[in-house]
Amino acid sequence: MEIIHSENGARVKGEKAVKPGFYSVHAGEKECSRFCVDIPRSELLFRRAGNAQPVEAFKGIRWKAVESTDNLTETVVKDRYGRELYGLFIVLALMLIAVEMVVSRKV
């Protein structure tokens, strides 16, 4: 490493810090300075994926793409399938209570 002295202080020139994290500069046993290295800006800027990229990534999985102009609530209500199960669970709970009452009377 090379230390370059100037009017504003000193700069350390040497190996490139390639991984993000905290680095320390030591002079002998003493820590002289500590600095942080962030991830490259290019890794922070994302491009919007086109329609072909998700299709390729999720090949073999049934899915539906929703356009940004579509009404999401209406699309979900239209495509929802199945039935609600809360009624079934209430009936099962009542049946279990009845069985419990019959068993407890016999004991």
C-alpha atoms as a PDB file:
ATOM      1  CA  MET A   1       0.000   0.000   0.000  1.00  0.00           C
ATOM      2  CA  GLU A   2       1.097   3.501  -0.694  1.00  0.00           C
ATOM      3  CA  ILE A   3       0.280   6.566   1.437  1.00  0.00           C
ATOM      4  CA  ILE A   4      -0.043   9.823  -0.529  1.00  0.00           C
ATOM      5  CA  HIS A   5       0.260  12.982   1.604  1.00  0.00           C
ATOM      6  CA  SER A   6      -1.522  16.183   0.551  1.00  0.00           C
ATOM      7  CA  GLU A   7      -2.742  19.478   2.064  1.00  0.00           C
ATOM      8  CA  ASN A   8      -6.079  17.922   3.063  1.00  0.00           C
ATOM      9  CA  GLY A   9      -4.540  14.884   4.747  1.00  0.00           C
ATOM     10  CA  ALA A  10      -3.363  11.548   3.481  1.00  0.00           C
ATOM     11  CA  ARG A  11      -4.768   9.067   1.004  1.00  0.00           C
ATOM     12  CA  VAL A  12      -4.106   5.369   1.029  1.00  0.00           C
ATOM     13  CA  LYS A  13      -3.593   3.883  -2.402  1.00  0.00           C
ATOM     14  CA  GLY A  14      -3.273   0.167  -2.900  1.00  0.00           C
ATOM     15  CA  GLU A  15      -5.441  -2.883  -3.190  1.00  0.00           C
ATOM     16  CA  LYS A  16      -8.998  -2.493  -4.363  1.00  0.00           C
ATOM     17  CA  ALA A  17     -11.738  -3.353  -1.856  1.00  0.00           C
ATOM     18  CA  VAL A  18     -13.905  -5.680  -3.920  1.00  0.00           C
ATOM     19  CA  LYS A  19     -16.363  -6.895  -1.274  1.00  0.00           C
ATOM     20  CA  PRO A  20     -18.821  -4.626   0.581  1.00  0.00           C
ATOM     21  CA  GLY A  21     -18.128  -4.191   4.281  1.00  0.00           C
ATOM     22  CA  PHE A  22     -16.054  -2.288   6.817  1.00  0.00           C
ATOM     23  CA  TYR A  23     -12.300  -1.984   6.374  1.00  0.00           C
ATOM     24  CA  SER A  24      -9.643  -0.750   8.790  1.00  0.00           C
ATOM     25  CA  VAL A  25      -6.241   0.821   8.091  1.00  0.00           C
ATOM     26  CA  HIS A  26      -3.596  -0.111  10.659  1.00  0.00           C
ATOM     27  CA  ALA A  27      -0.179   1.378  11.344  1.00  0.00           C
ATOM     28  CA  GLY A  28       1.559  -1.290  13.338  1.00  0.00           C
ATOM     29  CA  GLU A  29      -0.833  -2.337  16.109  1.00  0.00           C
ATOM     30  CA  LYS A  30      -2.809   0.931  16.031  1.00  0.00           C
ATOM     31  CA  GLU A  31      -5.953   1.403  13.949  1.00  0.00           C
ATOM     32  CA  CYS A  32      -5.582   4.664  12.027  1.00  0.00           C
ATOM     33  CA  SER A  33      -8.807   4.749  10.089  1.00  0.00           C
ATOM     34  CA  ARG A  34     -11.938   2.784   9.329  1.00  0.00           C
ATOM     35  CA  PHE A  35     -14.088   3.099   6.210  1.00  0.00           C
ATOM     36  CA  CYS A  36     -17.105   1.477   4.611  1.00  0.00           C
ATOM     37  CA  VAL A  37     -17.372   0.047   1.107  1.00  0.00           C
ATOM     38  CA  ASP A  38     -20.870  -0.152  -0.380  1.00  0.00           C
ATOM     39  CA  ILE A  39     -22.124  -2.410  -3.122  1.00  0.00           C
ATOM     40  CA  PRO A  40     -21.710  -1.062  -6.666  1.00  0.00           C
ATOM     41  CA  ARG A  41     -24.451   1.283  -7.858  1.00  0.00           C
ATOM     42  CA  SER A  42     -25.044  -0.978 -10.869  1.00  0.00           C
ATOM     43  CA  GLU A  43     -26.375  -3.641  -8.468  1.00  0.00           C
ATOM     44  CA  LEU A  44     -28.933  -1.207  -7.044  1.00  0.00           C
ATOM     45  CA  LEU A  45     -30.528  -0.208 -10.340  1.00  0.00           C
ATOM     46  CA  PHE A  46     -33.027  -2.775 -11.551  1.00  0.00           C
ATOM     47  CA  ARG A  47     -34.670  -3.140 -14.922  1.00  0.00           C
ATOM     48  CA  ARG A  48     -38.312  -4.145 -15.200  1.00  0.00           C
ATOM     49  CA  ALA A  49     -38.586  -7.704 -16.433  1.00  0.00           C
ATOM     50  CA  GLY A  50     -40.418  -8.206 -19.683  1.00  0.00           C
ATOM     51  CA  ASN A  51     -43.155 -10.808 -20.183  1.00  0.00           C
ATOM     52  CA  ALA A  52     -40.748 -13.415 -21.603  1.00  0.00           C
ATOM     53  CA  GLN A  53     -38.459 -13.527 -18.554  1.00  0.00           C
ATOM     54  CA  PRO A  54     -41.081 -14.644 -15.970  1.00  0.00           C
ATOM     55  CA  VAL A  55     -42.512 -17.140 -18.448  1.00  0.00           C
ATOM     56  CA  GLU A  56     -39.081 -18.745 -18.760  1.00  0.00           C
ATOM     57  CA  ALA A  57     -38.394 -18.608 -15.011  1.00  0.00           C
ATOM     58  CA  PHE A  58     -41.718 -20.186 -14.014  1.00  0.00           C
ATOM     59  CA  LYS A  59     -41.983 -22.703 -16.836  1.00  0.00           C
ATOM     60  CA  GLY A  60     -44.277 -25.568 -15.849  1.00  0.00           C
ATOM     61  CA  ILE A  61     -46.154 -23.559 -13.194  1.00  0.00           C
ATOM     62  CA  ARG A  62     -49.683 -22.317 -13.877  1.00  0.00           C
ATOM     63  CA  TRP A  63     -49.766 -18.563 -13.422  1.00  0.00           C
ATOM     64  CA  LYS A  64     -51.484 -15.532 -14.850  1.00  0.00           C
ATOM     65  CA  ALA A  65     -49.916 -12.191 -15.696  1.00  0.00           C
ATOM     66  CA  VAL A  66     -51.954  -9.129 -14.736  1.00  0.00           C
ATOM     67  CA  GLU A  67     -51.367  -6.021 -16.795  1.00  0.00           C
ATOM     68  CA  SER A  68     -50.774  -2.787 -14.894  1.00  0.00           C
ATOM     69  CA  THR A  69     -53.866  -1.263 -16.534  1.00  0.00           C
ATOM     70  CA  ASP A  70     -56.181  -4.029 -15.226  1.00  0.00           C
ATOM     71  CA  ASN A  71     -58.226  -3.614 -12.075  1.00  0.00           C
ATOM     72  CA  LEU A  72     -56.510  -6.031  -9.665  1.00  0.00           C
ATOM     73  CA  THR A  73     -59.519  -6.511  -7.364  1.00  0.00           C
ATOM     74  CA  GLU A  74     -61.832  -7.300 -10.261  1.00  0.00           C
ATOM     75  CA  THR A  75     -59.309  -9.722 -11.781  1.00  0.00           C
ATOM     76  CA  VAL A  76     -58.872 -11.628  -8.506  1.00  0.00           C
ATOM     77  CA  VAL A  77     -62.632 -11.840  -7.887  1.00  0.00           C
ATOM     78  CA  LYS A  78     -63.178 -13.103 -11.438  1.00  0.00           C
ATOM     79  CA  ASP A  79     -60.450 -15.733 -11.254  1.00  0.00           C
ATOM     80  CA  ARG A  80     -61.033 -16.912  -7.689  1.00  0.00           C
ATOM     81  CA  TYR A  81     -62.145 -20.501  -7.397  1.00  0.00           C
ATOM     82  CA  GLY A  82     -62.944 -22.973  -4.643  1.00  0.00           C
ATOM     83  CA  ARG A  83     -65.232 -22.520  -1.688  1.00  0.00           C
ATOM     84  CA  GLU A  84     -64.969 -21.040   1.746  1.00  0.00           C
ATOM     85  CA  LEU A  85     -64.400 -23.590   4.468  1.00  0.00           C
ATOM     86  CA  TYR A  86     -65.528 -21.746   7.602  1.00  0.00           C
ATOM     87  CA  GLY A  87     -69.000 -23.336   7.470  1.00  0.00           C
ATOM     88  CA  LEU A  88     -67.495 -26.817   7.333  1.00  0.00           C
ATOM     89  CA  PHE A  89     -65.298 -26.065  10.351  1.00  0.00           C
ATOM     90  CA  ILE A  90     -68.276 -24.778  12.357  1.00  0.00           C
ATOM     91  CA  VAL A  91     -70.234 -27.978  11.623  1.00  0.00           C
ATOM     92  CA  LEU A  92     -67.228 -30.126  12.593  1.00  0.00           C
ATOM     93  CA  ALA A  93     -66.796 -28.182  15.840  1.00  0.00           C
ATOM     94  CA  LEU A  94     -70.478 -28.663  16.729  1.00  0.00           C
ATOM     95  CA  MET A  95     -70.218 -32.390  15.965  1.00  0.00           C
ATOM     96  CA  LEU A  96     -67.147 -32.708  18.190  1.00  0.00           C
ATOM     97  CA  ILE A  97     -68.948 -30.878  21.023  1.00  0.00           C
ATOM     98  CA  ALA A  98     -71.899 -33.288  20.681  1.00  0.00           C
ATOM     99  CA  VAL A  99     -69.565 -36.331  20.733  1.00  0.00           C
ATOM    100  CA  GLU A 100     -67.762 -34.922  23.768  1.00  0.00           C
ATOM    101  CA  MET A 101     -71.081 -34.436  25.606  1.00  0.00           C
ATOM    102  CA  VAL A 102     -72.161 -38.040  24.869  1.00  0.00           C
ATOM    103  CA  VAL A 103     -68.823 -39.473  25.990  1.00  0.00           C
ATOM    104  CA  SER A 104     -68.705 -37.368  29.178  1.00  0.00           C
ATOM    105  CA  ARG A 105     -72.206 -38.530  30.263  1.00  0.00           C
ATOM    106  CA  LYS A 106     -71.227 -42.191  29.983  1.00  0.00           C
ATOM    107  CA  VAL A 107     -68.132 -41.813  32.145  1.00  0.00           C
END
